[in-house]
Structures are given as C-alpha cells and as structure tokens.
Amino acid sequence: MNTIVKFSLSIINQVKLRRLILGLSASQLSLLLEHAEAYVSHVESTLSQGQYPPHEYPKLAEALKCTVHDLLPRDDMEQQSPGELVDKVVLSLSNQVDLKKVIDGLIAYGFFDRPKTMDDVVEHLFIKKKEQVELLFEVLEGVVKEGSLKRRLLDYYRDIV
C-alpha cells in the first residue's frame, strides 16, 4: 500500500464522497476537470501515489457544487500533523463504515426525498460487485432500523416532515 500526506488523503476522500453523493463516476469527474478519463480513478487508486494538486481544488469544488473550503480537512485534523505520511486508504463502497457515510450523505443531499429502489441506489453509486450490493442492502436496512430512512415494499425514502 502506498503512503500519502494526511492532508492530501483527506481531500481525496472528501472528493470521492461528494462525487458519489452527486452520482458522478470517476470518468465523468475526470472529464469535467478536462483531464483524461482515468485521471480521477488514478488519484483514488490505493496502488498509486496520485493526488490532487492545489491548483485543481477550485475546479474540483466547481464540479462538485461546493466550495474549496468544503474539500479541505476539518480544523481539528489540520492541527494533528497534516504533513504526516499515512497509508493511502481511500473511501470504499466495500467498507461498511464508508458506505454508511455515503448513504448519510445521500440522505442529507435529498437523494431519498423521492422513493428509490435498491437498483436506483446501485446505479447512482456505480456499484458493480455482488458483495457491494449485498453490503449496500445491509447498510440501507440498518439506516431504516435507526429511523433515518423508511422502506415500503421495494422503495427506500426519507419521511419529509
């Protein structure tokens, strides 16, 4: 596994989270940034030391409909040695904690304000692996149990009060 500066890893993970919430594939974001289709996939790959250069932050923020500040690490992380090298562990839809973070983001973004089937969510997140689909079902059912989403037949939705 590669190592990367903690600050850069935080930006990569924030970009990936926002990209998934918006329903952008890695190649779609690459094209919005006016790079080769594989650019974002290369940066997100744990097999590379790729990272987003600072001059790219404004274009990333624009493409992800946020501010540059939204992409930066939280202040508390900044004070905990941001230049420290860490393992490049990127947000993964194969990780339950990461997937829950993505689902929470989708809820906050309003994705579930209209009912969505499992297939809708799978398509939105570009999930291809059977194991990820199974994990997604587990996470969605957990979110239903905690009350953040409701489920009626095959649809998941947020109960708007």
C-alpha atoms as a PDB file:
ATOM      1  CA  MET A   1       0.000   0.000   0.000  1.00  0.00           C
ATOM      2  CA  ASN A   2       1.237   3.486  -0.781  1.00  0.00           C
ATOM      3  CA  THR A   3       1.670   6.279   1.710  1.00  0.00           C
ATOM      4  CA  ILE A   4       0.484   9.814   1.164  1.00  0.00           C
ATOM      5  CA  VAL A   5       0.380  13.073   3.097  1.00  0.00           C
ATOM      6  CA  LYS A   6      -2.578  13.081   5.500  1.00  0.00           C
ATOM      7  CA  PHE A   7      -3.882  16.413   4.139  1.00  0.00           C
ATOM      8  CA  SER A   8      -3.946  15.069   0.555  1.00  0.00           C
ATOM      9  CA  LEU A   9      -5.678  11.857   1.606  1.00  0.00           C
ATOM     10  CA  SER A  10      -8.378  13.863   3.353  1.00  0.00           C
ATOM     11  CA  ILE A  11      -9.031  15.816   0.138  1.00  0.00           C
ATOM     12  CA  ILE A  12      -9.136  12.635  -1.973  1.00  0.00           C
ATOM     13  CA  ASN A  13     -11.697  11.104   0.390  1.00  0.00           C
ATOM     14  CA  GLN A  14     -13.809  14.260   0.527  1.00  0.00           C
ATOM     15  CA  VAL A  15     -13.812  14.492  -3.281  1.00  0.00           C
ATOM     16  CA  LYS A  16     -14.793  10.831  -3.625  1.00  0.00           C
ATOM     17  CA  LEU A  17     -17.575  11.175  -1.050  1.00  0.00           C
ATOM     18  CA  ARG A  18     -19.035  14.225  -2.789  1.00  0.00           C
ATOM     19  CA  ARG A  19     -18.609  12.612  -6.211  1.00  0.00           C
ATOM     20  CA  LEU A  20     -20.600   9.562  -5.099  1.00  0.00           C
ATOM     21  CA  ILE A  21     -23.304  11.670  -3.463  1.00  0.00           C
ATOM     22  CA  LEU A  22     -23.754  13.609  -6.707  1.00  0.00           C
ATOM     23  CA  GLY A  23     -23.810  10.396  -8.744  1.00  0.00           C
ATOM     24  CA  LEU A  24     -20.703  11.201 -10.777  1.00  0.00           C
ATOM     25  CA  SER A  25     -18.487   8.390 -11.982  1.00  0.00           C
ATOM     26  CA  ALA A  26     -14.726   8.812 -11.732  1.00  0.00           C
ATOM     27  CA  SER A  27     -14.520   9.200 -15.508  1.00  0.00           C
ATOM     28  CA  GLN A  28     -17.317  11.812 -15.551  1.00  0.00           C
ATOM     29  CA  LEU A  29     -15.485  13.889 -12.947  1.00  0.00           C
ATOM     30  CA  SER A  30     -12.231  13.488 -14.899  1.00  0.00           C
ATOM     31  CA  LEU A  31     -13.905  14.905 -17.997  1.00  0.00           C
ATOM     32  CA  LEU A  32     -15.436  17.793 -16.020  1.00  0.00           C
ATOM     33  CA  LEU A  33     -11.898  18.595 -14.870  1.00  0.00           C
ATOM     34  CA  GLU A  34     -10.749  18.439 -18.511  1.00  0.00           C
ATOM     35  CA  HIS A  35      -8.413  15.503 -17.909  1.00  0.00           C
ATOM     36  CA  ALA A  36      -8.116  12.030 -19.377  1.00  0.00           C
ATOM     37  CA  GLU A  37     -10.944   9.681 -18.371  1.00  0.00           C
ATOM     38  CA  ALA A  38      -8.724   7.708 -15.984  1.00  0.00           C
ATOM     39  CA  TYR A  39      -7.432  10.754 -14.054  1.00  0.00           C
ATOM     40  CA  VAL A  40      -9.755  10.544 -11.026  1.00  0.00           C
ATOM     41  CA  SER A  41      -9.515   6.737 -10.896  1.00  0.00           C
ATOM     42  CA  HIS A  42      -5.729   7.076 -10.794  1.00  0.00           C
ATOM     43  CA  VAL A  43      -5.888   9.595  -7.931  1.00  0.00           C
ATOM     44  CA  GLU A  44      -8.366   7.417  -5.998  1.00  0.00           C
ATOM     45  CA  SER A  45      -6.375   4.214  -6.536  1.00  0.00           C
ATOM     46  CA  THR A  46      -4.551   2.919  -3.467  1.00  0.00           C
ATOM     47  CA  LEU A  47      -1.988   1.455  -5.869  1.00  0.00           C
ATOM     48  CA  SER A  48      -0.799   4.917  -6.921  1.00  0.00           C
ATOM     49  CA  GLN A  49       0.553   7.886  -5.024  1.00  0.00           C
ATOM     50  CA  GLY A  50      -1.645  10.136  -7.157  1.00  0.00           C
ATOM     51  CA  GLN A  51      -3.230  13.141  -5.502  1.00  0.00           C
ATOM     52  CA  TYR A  52      -4.991  16.354  -6.500  1.00  0.00           C
ATOM     53  CA  PRO A  53      -2.618  19.307  -6.845  1.00  0.00           C
ATOM     54  CA  PRO A  54      -3.739  22.517  -5.070  1.00  0.00           C
ATOM     55  CA  HIS A  55      -4.342  24.371  -8.348  1.00  0.00           C
ATOM     56  CA  GLU A  56      -7.020  21.723  -9.083  1.00  0.00           C
ATOM     57  CA  TYR A  57      -9.082  22.496  -5.937  1.00  0.00           C
ATOM     58  CA  PRO A  58     -11.193  25.313  -7.465  1.00  0.00           C
ATOM     59  CA  LYS A  59     -12.153  23.141 -10.472  1.00  0.00           C
ATOM     60  CA  LEU A  60     -12.943  20.228  -8.146  1.00  0.00           C
ATOM     61  CA  ALA A  61     -15.135  22.453  -5.983  1.00  0.00           C
ATOM     62  CA  GLU A  62     -16.993  23.778  -9.021  1.00  0.00           C
ATOM     63  CA  ALA A  63     -17.568  20.285 -10.438  1.00  0.00           C
ATOM     64  CA  LEU A  64     -18.737  19.009  -7.040  1.00  0.00           C
ATOM     65  CA  LYS A  65     -21.021  22.014  -6.406  1.00  0.00           C
ATOM     66  CA  CYS A  66     -19.264  23.089  -3.234  1.00  0.00           C
ATOM     67  CA  THR A  67     -16.541  25.474  -2.087  1.00  0.00           C
ATOM     68  CA  VAL A  68     -12.827  24.766  -1.844  1.00  0.00           C
ATOM     69  CA  HIS A  69     -13.241  25.105   1.925  1.00  0.00           C
ATOM     70  CA  ASP A  70     -15.717  22.193   1.856  1.00  0.00           C
ATOM     71  CA  LEU A  71     -12.981  19.970   0.403  1.00  0.00           C
ATOM     72  CA  LEU A  72     -10.353  20.877   2.988  1.00  0.00           C
ATOM     73  CA  PRO A  73      -9.770  18.825   6.142  1.00  0.00           C
ATOM     74  CA  ARG A  74     -11.560  19.816   9.319  1.00  0.00           C
ATOM     75  CA  ASP A  75      -9.650  22.198  11.613  1.00  0.00           C
ATOM     76  CA  ASP A  76      -9.069  19.512  14.266  1.00  0.00           C
ATOM     77  CA  MET A  77      -7.392  17.249  11.689  1.00  0.00           C
ATOM     78  CA  GLU A  78      -5.301  20.156  10.475  1.00  0.00           C
ATOM     79  CA  GLN A  79      -3.808  20.571  13.944  1.00  0.00           C
ATOM     80  CA  GLN A  80      -2.875  16.870  14.161  1.00  0.00           C
ATOM     81  CA  SER A  81       0.194  16.942  11.898  1.00  0.00           C
ATOM     82  CA  PRO A  82      -1.329  17.391   8.421  1.00  0.00           C
ATOM     83  CA  GLY A  83       2.054  16.716   6.773  1.00  0.00           C
ATOM     84  CA  GLU A  84       2.301  13.272   8.341  1.00  0.00           C
ATOM     85  CA  LEU A  85       2.541  10.343   5.928  1.00  0.00           C
ATOM     86  CA  VAL A  86      -0.284   7.823   6.252  1.00  0.00           C
ATOM     87  CA  ASP A  87      -1.373   4.721   4.351  1.00  0.00           C
ATOM     88  CA  LYS A  88      -3.470   5.660   1.334  1.00  0.00           C
ATOM     89  CA  VAL A  89      -6.797   4.248   2.491  1.00  0.00           C
ATOM     90  CA  VAL A  90      -9.462   5.670   0.185  1.00  0.00           C
ATOM     91  CA  LEU A  91     -13.210   5.658   0.842  1.00  0.00           C
ATOM     92  CA  SER A  92     -14.585   2.332  -0.386  1.00  0.00           C
ATOM     93  CA  LEU A  93     -18.063   1.032  -1.132  1.00  0.00           C
ATOM     94  CA  SER A  94     -16.775  -2.340   0.091  1.00  0.00           C
ATOM     95  CA  ASN A  95     -16.341  -0.926   3.608  1.00  0.00           C
ATOM     96  CA  GLN A  96     -19.465  -0.761   5.780  1.00  0.00           C
ATOM     97  CA  VAL A  97     -18.432   2.399   7.651  1.00  0.00           C
ATOM     98  CA  ASP A  98     -17.589   4.204   4.400  1.00  0.00           C
ATOM     99  CA  LEU A  99     -20.797   3.061   2.719  1.00  0.00           C
ATOM    100  CA  LYS A 100     -22.821   4.311   5.706  1.00  0.00           C
ATOM    101  CA  LYS A 101     -21.095   7.695   5.351  1.00  0.00           C
ATOM    102  CA  VAL A 102     -22.118   7.784   1.669  1.00  0.00           C
ATOM    103  CA  ILE A 103     -25.739   6.832   2.480  1.00  0.00           C
ATOM    104  CA  ASP A 104     -25.882   9.522   5.191  1.00  0.00           C
ATOM    105  CA  GLY A 105     -24.591  11.999   2.597  1.00  0.00           C
ATOM    106  CA  LEU A 106     -27.244  10.902   0.104  1.00  0.00           C
ATOM    107  CA  ILE A 107     -29.927  11.415   2.755  1.00  0.00           C
ATOM    108  CA  ALA A 108     -28.631  14.909   3.584  1.00  0.00           C
ATOM    109  CA  TYR A 109     -28.381  15.774  -0.125  1.00  0.00           C
ATOM    110  CA  GLY A 110     -32.047  14.851  -0.657  1.00  0.00           C
ATOM    111  CA  PHE A 111     -31.490  11.773  -2.822  1.00  0.00           C
ATOM    112  CA  PHE A 112     -34.075   9.821  -0.824  1.00  0.00           C
ATOM    113  CA  ASP A 113     -36.661  12.629  -0.760  1.00  0.00           C
ATOM    114  CA  ARG A 114     -38.323  10.639  -3.543  1.00  0.00           C
ATOM    115  CA  PRO A 115     -38.572   6.849  -3.184  1.00  0.00           C
ATOM    116  CA  LYS A 116     -35.602   4.912  -4.580  1.00  0.00           C
ATOM    117  CA  THR A 117     -35.326   1.208  -5.261  1.00  0.00           C
ATOM    118  CA  MET A 118     -32.199  -0.759  -4.494  1.00  0.00           C
ATOM    119  CA  ASP A 119     -31.464  -0.718  -8.243  1.00  0.00           C
ATOM    120  CA  ASP A 120     -31.696   3.093  -8.249  1.00  0.00           C
ATOM    121  CA  VAL A 121     -29.115   3.330  -5.462  1.00  0.00           C
ATOM    122  CA  VAL A 122     -26.830   0.734  -7.076  1.00  0.00           C
ATOM    123  CA  GLU A 123     -26.941   2.657 -10.356  1.00  0.00           C
ATOM    124  CA  HIS A 124     -26.377   6.034  -8.673  1.00  0.00           C
ATOM    125  CA  LEU A 125     -23.276   4.729  -6.880  1.00  0.00           C
ATOM    126  CA  PHE A 126     -21.965   2.802  -9.918  1.00  0.00           C
ATOM    127  CA  ILE A 127     -21.841  -0.423  -7.906  1.00  0.00           C
ATOM    128  CA  LYS A 128     -20.868  -3.452  -9.974  1.00  0.00           C
ATOM    129  CA  LYS A 129     -19.746  -6.087  -7.459  1.00  0.00           C
ATOM    130  CA  LYS A 130     -22.244  -8.507  -5.913  1.00  0.00           C
ATOM    131  CA  GLU A 131     -20.581  -8.170  -2.490  1.00  0.00           C
ATOM    132  CA  GLN A 132     -21.034  -4.399  -2.601  1.00  0.00           C
ATOM    133  CA  VAL A 133     -24.718  -4.782  -3.489  1.00  0.00           C
ATOM    134  CA  GLU A 134     -25.177  -7.120  -0.519  1.00  0.00           C
ATOM    135  CA  LEU A 135     -23.370  -4.695   1.783  1.00  0.00           C
ATOM    136  CA  LEU A 136     -25.482  -1.826   0.445  1.00  0.00           C
ATOM    137  CA  PHE A 137     -28.644  -3.758   1.334  1.00  0.00           C
ATOM    138  CA  GLU A 138     -27.298  -4.345   4.869  1.00  0.00           C
ATOM    139  CA  VAL A 139     -26.434  -0.681   5.317  1.00  0.00           C
ATOM    140  CA  LEU A 140     -29.788   0.531   3.953  1.00  0.00           C
ATOM    141  CA  GLU A 141     -31.654  -1.842   6.253  1.00  0.00           C
ATOM    142  CA  GLY A 142     -29.557  -0.554   9.176  1.00  0.00           C
ATOM    143  CA  VAL A 143     -30.435   3.023   8.260  1.00  0.00           C
ATOM    144  CA  VAL A 144     -34.124   2.021   8.157  1.00  0.00           C
ATOM    145  CA  LYS A 145     -33.794   0.479  11.642  1.00  0.00           C
ATOM    146  CA  GLU A 146     -32.194   3.634  13.016  1.00  0.00           C
ATOM    147  CA  GLY A 147     -35.061   5.678  11.529  1.00  0.00           C
ATOM    148  CA  SER A 148     -33.198   7.882   9.037  1.00  0.00           C
ATOM    149  CA  LEU A 149     -34.986   6.178   6.118  1.00  0.00           C
ATOM    150  CA  LYS A 150     -38.265   4.353   5.692  1.00  0.00           C
ATOM    151  CA  ARG A 151     -38.922   1.359   3.478  1.00  0.00           C
ATOM    152  CA  ARG A 152     -42.153   0.497   1.724  1.00  0.00           C
ATOM    153  CA  LEU A 153     -42.068  -2.651  -0.368  1.00  0.00           C
ATOM    154  CA  LEU A 154     -39.001  -2.157  -2.586  1.00  0.00           C
ATOM    155  CA  ASP A 155     -38.585   1.589  -2.051  1.00  0.00           C
ATOM    156  CA  TYR A 156     -36.360   3.465   0.394  1.00  0.00           C
ATOM    157  CA  TYR A 157     -37.297   7.045   1.179  1.00  0.00           C
ATOM    158  CA  ARG A 158     -36.864   9.823   3.694  1.00  0.00           C
ATOM    159  CA  ASP A 159     -40.013  10.774   5.523  1.00  0.00           C
ATOM    160  CA  ILE A 160     -40.178  14.532   4.992  1.00  0.00           C
ATOM    161  CA  VAL A 161     -41.974  16.237   7.836  1.00  0.00           C
END
